[in-house]
Amino acid sequence: MGKCIGQGLENHYDTGTFAETVSKNIRLAVIEGLYNEMHKLAKFIYFKLLGWKLNGSFPDVDKCVIIVVPHTHWLDFFLGLLIRKAINQEINYIGKKSLFNPPFGWFFRWTGGAPVDRSKNSNTVDTIVQIFNSRKTFRLALAPEGTRKKVEHLRTGFYHIAKKAGVPILMVAFDFGKKEIKIGELFHTTESQENDFRKIQDFHKGVIGKVPEHSF
């Protein structure tokens, strides 16, 4: 009886293929387990250890431009990575091509980075729009101030990216004064850039960055 069952299994499955499938499923289970543990750890660090709050929820959208204001310190990048894992969402960013070369390129790709050629001969806006068009899911987070210093006006690159790619904008505030990350509502660019920027300024009004005197 056992012999018949064994022969039946051998006939039904190719031994090599079956072993490869089992091995693949085990690897996927291990990776999924690691991601779940990293998610739990990130939540513990963000909410319990650091004592930060989350105001709002991340929208169910595959593509968008996420503008994070204010950007006053290099720690903003790591806070972004932490909340990305705490809410368990794939959030991307761009970086110059050289960052993605060995030996550290794997880290930037693993954390959602996408390489962009920022040479004088390339159009950064069009290059990023092409990335949006080539991917099923791409949620680009960037700092529209373009610097960690104090600015009076935001740069417009993010706006043109969203408009050309036909994707909505999501406003996010890193408020170190309240120890809170605030997530706004999605909105699409309109015919009035002035009104759109007024909406963005109103959302971020009073938000305190890591370096208060550099806050927008």
C-alpha atoms as a PDB file:
ATOM      1  CA  MET A   1       0.000   0.000   0.000  1.00  0.00           C
ATOM      2  CA  GLY A   2       2.740   2.457   1.073  1.00  0.00           C
ATOM      3  CA  LYS A   3       4.738   1.503  -1.992  1.00  0.00           C
ATOM      4  CA  CYS A   4       1.795   2.298  -4.240  1.00  0.00           C
ATOM      5  CA  ILE A   5       1.302   5.687  -2.603  1.00  0.00           C
ATOM      6  CA  GLY A   6       5.002   6.458  -2.962  1.00  0.00           C
ATOM      7  CA  GLN A   7       4.956   5.513  -6.620  1.00  0.00           C
ATOM      8  CA  GLY A   8       1.869   7.654  -7.101  1.00  0.00           C
ATOM      9  CA  LEU A   9       3.611  10.660  -5.579  1.00  0.00           C
ATOM     10  CA  GLU A  10       6.678  10.109  -7.720  1.00  0.00           C
ATOM     11  CA  ASN A  11       4.509   9.984 -10.797  1.00  0.00           C
ATOM     12  CA  HIS A  12       2.593  13.098  -9.793  1.00  0.00           C
ATOM     13  CA  TYR A  13       5.571  15.259  -8.768  1.00  0.00           C
ATOM     14  CA  ASP A  14       8.958  15.651 -10.261  1.00  0.00           C
ATOM     15  CA  THR A  15      11.265  15.067  -7.287  1.00  0.00           C
ATOM     16  CA  GLY A  16      13.583  17.976  -8.122  1.00  0.00           C
ATOM     17  CA  THR A  17      10.721  20.398  -8.773  1.00  0.00           C
ATOM     18  CA  PHE A  18       8.961  19.367  -5.568  1.00  0.00           C
ATOM     19  CA  ALA A  19      12.123  19.918  -3.497  1.00  0.00           C
ATOM     20  CA  GLU A  20      12.699  23.327  -5.090  1.00  0.00           C
ATOM     21  CA  THR A  21       9.094  24.332  -4.347  1.00  0.00           C
ATOM     22  CA  VAL A  22       9.386  23.293  -0.713  1.00  0.00           C
ATOM     23  CA  SER A  23      12.703  25.140  -0.368  1.00  0.00           C
ATOM     24  CA  LYS A  24      11.226  28.283  -1.931  1.00  0.00           C
ATOM     25  CA  ASN A  25       8.191  28.189   0.345  1.00  0.00           C
ATOM     26  CA  ILE A  26      10.425  27.824   3.397  1.00  0.00           C
ATOM     27  CA  ARG A  27      12.526  30.816   2.337  1.00  0.00           C
ATOM     28  CA  LEU A  28       9.396  32.906   1.758  1.00  0.00           C
ATOM     29  CA  ALA A  29       8.020  31.909   5.161  1.00  0.00           C
ATOM     30  CA  VAL A  30      11.291  32.888   6.846  1.00  0.00           C
ATOM     31  CA  ILE A  31      11.382  36.250   5.032  1.00  0.00           C
ATOM     32  CA  GLU A  32       7.746  36.932   5.909  1.00  0.00           C
ATOM     33  CA  GLY A  33       8.476  36.099   9.533  1.00  0.00           C
ATOM     34  CA  LEU A  34      11.447  38.482   9.582  1.00  0.00           C
ATOM     35  CA  TYR A  35       9.365  41.274   8.065  1.00  0.00           C
ATOM     36  CA  ASN A  36       6.645  40.738  10.671  1.00  0.00           C
ATOM     37  CA  GLU A  37       9.192  40.921  13.477  1.00  0.00           C
ATOM     38  CA  MET A  38      10.741  44.073  11.992  1.00  0.00           C
ATOM     39  CA  HIS A  39       7.259  45.604  11.780  1.00  0.00           C
ATOM     40  CA  LYS A  40       6.620  44.853  15.461  1.00  0.00           C
ATOM     41  CA  LEU A  41      10.040  46.193  16.451  1.00  0.00           C
ATOM     42  CA  ALA A  42       9.549  49.413  14.472  1.00  0.00           C
ATOM     43  CA  LYS A  43       6.159  49.996  16.123  1.00  0.00           C
ATOM     44  CA  PHE A  44       7.670  49.406  19.558  1.00  0.00           C
ATOM     45  CA  ILE A  45      10.530  51.834  18.921  1.00  0.00           C
ATOM     46  CA  TYR A  46       8.329  54.543  17.364  1.00  0.00           C
ATOM     47  CA  PHE A  47       5.335  54.447  19.716  1.00  0.00           C
ATOM     48  CA  LYS A  48       6.727  53.088  22.978  1.00  0.00           C
ATOM     49  CA  LEU A  49      10.459  53.799  23.101  1.00  0.00           C
ATOM     50  CA  LEU A  50      10.454  57.207  21.373  1.00  0.00           C
ATOM     51  CA  GLY A  51       6.932  58.085  22.464  1.00  0.00           C
ATOM     52  CA  TRP A  52       5.839  59.488  19.100  1.00  0.00           C
ATOM     53  CA  LYS A  53       2.257  59.619  17.816  1.00  0.00           C
ATOM     54  CA  LEU A  54       0.710  59.128  14.382  1.00  0.00           C
ATOM     55  CA  ASN A  55      -2.007  61.548  13.317  1.00  0.00           C
ATOM     56  CA  GLY A  56      -3.866  60.231  10.275  1.00  0.00           C
ATOM     57  CA  SER A  57      -3.524  57.084   8.218  1.00  0.00           C
ATOM     58  CA  PHE A  58      -1.701  56.165   5.048  1.00  0.00           C
ATOM     59  CA  PRO A  59      -4.096  56.079   2.071  1.00  0.00           C
ATOM     60  CA  ASP A  60      -4.760  53.022  -0.056  1.00  0.00           C
ATOM     61  CA  VAL A  61      -2.961  54.191  -3.183  1.00  0.00           C
ATOM     62  CA  ASP A  62      -0.314  52.577  -5.370  1.00  0.00           C
ATOM     63  CA  LYS A  63       1.308  55.765  -6.639  1.00  0.00           C
ATOM     64  CA  CYS A  64       1.739  59.212  -5.151  1.00  0.00           C
ATOM     65  CA  VAL A  65       4.233  61.948  -4.357  1.00  0.00           C
ATOM     66  CA  ILE A  66       4.729  62.295  -0.603  1.00  0.00           C
ATOM     67  CA  ILE A  67       6.035  65.681   0.505  1.00  0.00           C
ATOM     68  CA  VAL A  68       7.639  65.661   3.958  1.00  0.00           C
ATOM     69  CA  VAL A  69       8.019  69.045   5.670  1.00  0.00           C
ATOM     70  CA  PRO A  70      10.009  70.345   7.467  1.00  0.00           C
ATOM     71  CA  HIS A  71      13.353  68.780   6.654  1.00  0.00           C
ATOM     72  CA  THR A  72      15.888  70.262   9.063  1.00  0.00           C
ATOM     73  CA  HIS A  73      18.157  67.389  10.109  1.00  0.00           C
ATOM     74  CA  TRP A  74      19.708  64.173   8.774  1.00  0.00           C
ATOM     75  CA  LEU A  75      17.713  62.241  11.400  1.00  0.00           C
ATOM     76  CA  ASP A  76      14.583  62.903   9.318  1.00  0.00           C
ATOM     77  CA  PHE A  77      15.706  60.171   6.909  1.00  0.00           C
ATOM     78  CA  PHE A  78      15.896  57.536   9.628  1.00  0.00           C
ATOM     79  CA  LEU A  79      12.603  58.671  11.161  1.00  0.00           C
ATOM     80  CA  GLY A  80      11.098  58.147   7.717  1.00  0.00           C
ATOM     81  CA  LEU A  81      12.529  54.635   7.489  1.00  0.00           C
ATOM     82  CA  LEU A  82      11.171  53.862  10.953  1.00  0.00           C
ATOM     83  CA  ILE A  83       7.602  55.015  10.295  1.00  0.00           C
ATOM     84  CA  ARG A  84       7.704  53.271   6.907  1.00  0.00           C
ATOM     85  CA  LYS A  85       8.244  49.972   8.675  1.00  0.00           C
ATOM     86  CA  ALA A  86       5.917  50.805  11.587  1.00  0.00           C
ATOM     87  CA  ILE A  87       2.945  51.327   9.248  1.00  0.00           C
ATOM     88  CA  ASN A  88       4.152  48.478   7.024  1.00  0.00           C
ATOM     89  CA  GLN A  89       3.966  50.412   3.758  1.00  0.00           C
ATOM     90  CA  GLU A  90       6.317  50.436   0.789  1.00  0.00           C
ATOM     91  CA  ILE A  91       7.571  54.014   0.499  1.00  0.00           C
ATOM     92  CA  ASN A  92      10.258  55.034  -1.952  1.00  0.00           C
ATOM     93  CA  TYR A  93      12.814  57.774  -2.369  1.00  0.00           C
ATOM     94  CA  ILE A  94      15.359  58.795  -4.979  1.00  0.00           C
ATOM     95  CA  GLY A  95      19.113  59.165  -4.706  1.00  0.00           C
ATOM     96  CA  LYS A  96      22.033  59.848  -6.980  1.00  0.00           C
ATOM     97  CA  LYS A  97      23.200  56.817  -8.958  1.00  0.00           C
ATOM     98  CA  SER A  98      26.550  56.510  -7.194  1.00  0.00           C
ATOM     99  CA  LEU A  99      24.819  55.679  -3.897  1.00  0.00           C
ATOM    100  CA  PHE A 100      23.516  52.455  -5.398  1.00  0.00           C
ATOM    101  CA  ASN A 101      26.944  51.109  -6.340  1.00  0.00           C
ATOM    102  CA  PRO A 102      28.704  48.488  -4.194  1.00  0.00           C
ATOM    103  CA  PRO A 103      29.275  48.069  -1.340  1.00  0.00           C
ATOM    104  CA  PHE A 104      26.209  49.883   0.075  1.00  0.00           C
ATOM    105  CA  GLY A 105      23.871  49.947  -2.906  1.00  0.00           C
ATOM    106  CA  TRP A 106      21.890  46.982  -1.571  1.00  0.00           C
ATOM    107  CA  PHE A 107      20.922  48.975   1.540  1.00  0.00           C
ATOM    108  CA  PHE A 108      19.433  51.868  -0.417  1.00  0.00           C
ATOM    109  CA  ARG A 109      17.479  49.507  -2.691  1.00  0.00           C
ATOM    110  CA  TRP A 110      16.278  47.473   0.296  1.00  0.00           C
ATOM    111  CA  THR A 111      14.940  50.609   1.975  1.00  0.00           C
ATOM    112  CA  GLY A 112      12.993  51.687  -1.113  1.00  0.00           C
ATOM    113  CA  GLY A 113      15.539  53.810  -2.933  1.00  0.00           C
ATOM    114  CA  ALA A 114      15.612  54.354  -6.688  1.00  0.00           C
ATOM    115  CA  PRO A 115      18.737  55.616  -8.503  1.00  0.00           C
ATOM    116  CA  VAL A 116      18.469  58.790 -10.572  1.00  0.00           C
ATOM    117  CA  ASP A 117      21.041  60.400 -12.842  1.00  0.00           C
ATOM    118  CA  ARG A 118      21.339  63.996 -11.650  1.00  0.00           C
ATOM    119  CA  SER A 119      23.900  65.142 -14.190  1.00  0.00           C
ATOM    120  CA  LYS A 120      23.417  68.433 -15.975  1.00  0.00           C
ATOM    121  CA  ASN A 121      22.476  66.621 -19.182  1.00  0.00           C
ATOM    122  CA  SER A 122      19.483  64.844 -17.623  1.00  0.00           C
ATOM    123  CA  ASN A 123      16.011  66.133 -16.776  1.00  0.00           C
ATOM    124  CA  THR A 124      15.332  64.890 -13.241  1.00  0.00           C
ATOM    125  CA  VAL A 125      11.579  65.501 -13.398  1.00  0.00           C
ATOM    126  CA  ASP A 126      11.161  63.497 -16.617  1.00  0.00           C
ATOM    127  CA  THR A 127      13.422  60.731 -15.300  1.00  0.00           C
ATOM    128  CA  ILE A 128      11.285  60.320 -12.183  1.00  0.00           C
ATOM    129  CA  VAL A 129       8.088  60.410 -14.236  1.00  0.00           C
ATOM    130  CA  GLN A 130       9.503  57.495 -16.255  1.00  0.00           C
ATOM    131  CA  ILE A 131      10.032  55.562 -13.009  1.00  0.00           C
ATOM    132  CA  PHE A 132       6.380  56.168 -12.096  1.00  0.00           C
ATOM    133  CA  ASN A 133       5.279  54.954 -15.524  1.00  0.00           C
ATOM    134  CA  SER A 134       7.430  51.822 -15.363  1.00  0.00           C
ATOM    135  CA  ARG A 135       6.285  50.592 -11.943  1.00  0.00           C
ATOM    136  CA  LYS A 136       3.000  49.266 -10.649  1.00  0.00           C
ATOM    137  CA  THR A 137       3.672  50.698  -7.188  1.00  0.00           C
ATOM    138  CA  PHE A 138       5.806  53.767  -6.509  1.00  0.00           C
ATOM    139  CA  ARG A 139       5.210  56.142  -3.598  1.00  0.00           C
ATOM    140  CA  LEU A 140       7.881  58.780  -3.794  1.00  0.00           C
ATOM    141  CA  ALA A 141       8.764  60.604  -0.573  1.00  0.00           C
ATOM    142  CA  LEU A 142      10.854  63.746  -0.837  1.00  0.00           C
ATOM    143  CA  ALA A 143      11.619  66.989   0.959  1.00  0.00           C
ATOM    144  CA  PRO A 144      10.367  69.901  -1.188  1.00  0.00           C
ATOM    145  CA  GLU A 145      12.522  72.424   0.694  1.00  0.00           C
ATOM    146  CA  GLY A 146      15.563  70.976  -1.081  1.00  0.00           C
ATOM    147  CA  THR A 147      17.816  71.813   1.860  1.00  0.00           C
ATOM    148  CA  ARG A 148      17.990  71.466   5.649  1.00  0.00           C
ATOM    149  CA  LYS A 149      18.384  75.217   6.014  1.00  0.00           C
ATOM    150  CA  LYS A 150      15.581  77.706   6.575  1.00  0.00           C
ATOM    151  CA  VAL A 151      13.581  78.494   3.414  1.00  0.00           C
ATOM    152  CA  GLU A 152      10.660  80.805   2.725  1.00  0.00           C
ATOM    153  CA  HIS A 153       9.353  78.973  -0.327  1.00  0.00           C
ATOM    154  CA  LEU A 154       9.185  75.341  -1.384  1.00  0.00           C
ATOM    155  CA  ARG A 155      10.781  74.193  -4.604  1.00  0.00           C
ATOM    156  CA  THR A 156       8.377  73.206  -7.340  1.00  0.00           C
ATOM    157  CA  GLY A 157       9.986  70.002  -8.652  1.00  0.00           C
ATOM    158  CA  PHE A 158       7.672  67.693  -6.681  1.00  0.00           C
ATOM    159  CA  TYR A 159       4.649  69.542  -8.075  1.00  0.00           C
ATOM    160  CA  HIS A 160       5.711  69.102 -11.687  1.00  0.00           C
ATOM    161  CA  ILE A 161       6.504  65.421 -11.061  1.00  0.00           C
ATOM    162  CA  ALA A 162       3.009  64.801  -9.689  1.00  0.00           C
ATOM    163  CA  LYS A 163       1.390  66.769 -12.504  1.00  0.00           C
ATOM    164  CA  LYS A 164       3.325  65.033 -15.304  1.00  0.00           C
ATOM    165  CA  ALA A 165       2.953  61.561 -13.789  1.00  0.00           C
ATOM    166  CA  GLY A 166      -0.738  62.115 -13.102  1.00  0.00           C
ATOM    167  CA  VAL A 167      -0.443  61.038  -9.472  1.00  0.00           C
ATOM    168  CA  PRO A 168      -1.792  62.658  -6.290  1.00  0.00           C
ATOM    169  CA  ILE A 169       0.223  64.485  -3.649  1.00  0.00           C
ATOM    170  CA  LEU A 170       0.230  63.381  -0.005  1.00  0.00           C
ATOM    171  CA  MET A 171       1.252  65.935   2.618  1.00  0.00           C
ATOM    172  CA  VAL A 172       3.191  64.652   5.644  1.00  0.00           C
ATOM    173  CA  ALA A 173       4.553  66.677   8.561  1.00  0.00           C
ATOM    174  CA  PHE A 174       7.378  65.603  10.880  1.00  0.00           C
ATOM    175  CA  ASP A 175       6.508  67.591  14.010  1.00  0.00           C
ATOM    176  CA  PHE A 176       9.281  67.265  16.598  1.00  0.00           C
ATOM    177  CA  GLY A 177       7.505  69.800  18.820  1.00  0.00           C
ATOM    178  CA  LYS A 178       4.520  67.478  19.304  1.00  0.00           C
ATOM    179  CA  LYS A 179       6.515  64.267  18.667  1.00  0.00           C
ATOM    180  CA  GLU A 180       4.019  63.476  15.972  1.00  0.00           C
ATOM    181  CA  ILE A 181       3.884  62.535  12.311  1.00  0.00           C
ATOM    182  CA  LYS A 182       0.806  64.013  10.680  1.00  0.00           C
ATOM    183  CA  ILE A 183      -0.566  62.539   7.446  1.00  0.00           C
ATOM    184  CA  GLY A 184      -2.890  64.688   5.365  1.00  0.00           C
ATOM    185  CA  GLU A 185      -5.333  63.864   2.597  1.00  0.00           C
ATOM    186  CA  LEU A 186      -4.442  63.097  -0.982  1.00  0.00           C
ATOM    187  CA  PHE A 187      -5.015  65.838  -3.511  1.00  0.00           C
ATOM    188  CA  HIS A 188      -4.370  66.202  -7.228  1.00  0.00           C
ATOM    189  CA  THR A 189      -2.762  69.268  -8.733  1.00  0.00           C
ATOM    190  CA  THR A 190      -5.206  71.812 -10.104  1.00  0.00           C
ATOM    191  CA  GLU A 191      -5.021  74.620 -12.638  1.00  0.00           C
ATOM    192  CA  SER A 192      -4.026  76.981  -9.832  1.00  0.00           C
ATOM    193  CA  GLN A 193      -0.529  76.255  -8.562  1.00  0.00           C
ATOM    194  CA  GLU A 194      -0.855  79.225  -6.213  1.00  0.00           C
ATOM    195  CA  ASN A 195      -3.911  77.727  -4.481  1.00  0.00           C
ATOM    196  CA  ASP A 196      -2.294  74.308  -4.275  1.00  0.00           C
ATOM    197  CA  PHE A 197       0.797  75.727  -2.584  1.00  0.00           C
ATOM    198  CA  ARG A 198      -1.356  77.738  -0.189  1.00  0.00           C
ATOM    199  CA  LYS A 199      -3.021  74.470   0.839  1.00  0.00           C
ATOM    200  CA  ILE A 200       0.391  72.906   1.461  1.00  0.00           C
ATOM    201  CA  GLN A 201       1.578  75.899   3.500  1.00  0.00           C
ATOM    202  CA  ASP A 202      -1.585  75.860   5.623  1.00  0.00           C
ATOM    203  CA  PHE A 203      -1.141  72.151   6.391  1.00  0.00           C
ATOM    204  CA  HIS A 204       2.436  72.600   7.584  1.00  0.00           C
ATOM    205  CA  LYS A 205       1.893  75.869   9.437  1.00  0.00           C
ATOM    206  CA  GLY A 206       3.305  75.750  12.967  1.00  0.00           C
ATOM    207  CA  VAL A 207       5.090  72.404  12.527  1.00  0.00           C
ATOM    208  CA  ILE A 208       8.428  72.301  14.364  1.00  0.00           C
ATOM    209  CA  GLY A 209      11.396  70.461  12.870  1.00  0.00           C
ATOM    210  CA  LYS A 210      14.292  68.788  14.640  1.00  0.00           C
ATOM    211  CA  VAL A 211      16.139  72.095  14.315  1.00  0.00           C
ATOM    212  CA  PRO A 212      13.343  74.564  15.233  1.00  0.00           C
ATOM    213  CA  GLU A 213      14.966  77.665  13.753  1.00  0.00           C
ATOM    214  CA  HIS A 214      15.100  75.970  10.338  1.00  0.00           C
ATOM    215  CA  SER A 215      11.411  75.001  10.312  1.00  0.00           C
ATOM    216  CA  PHE A 216       9.378  75.989   7.280  1.00  0.00           C
END
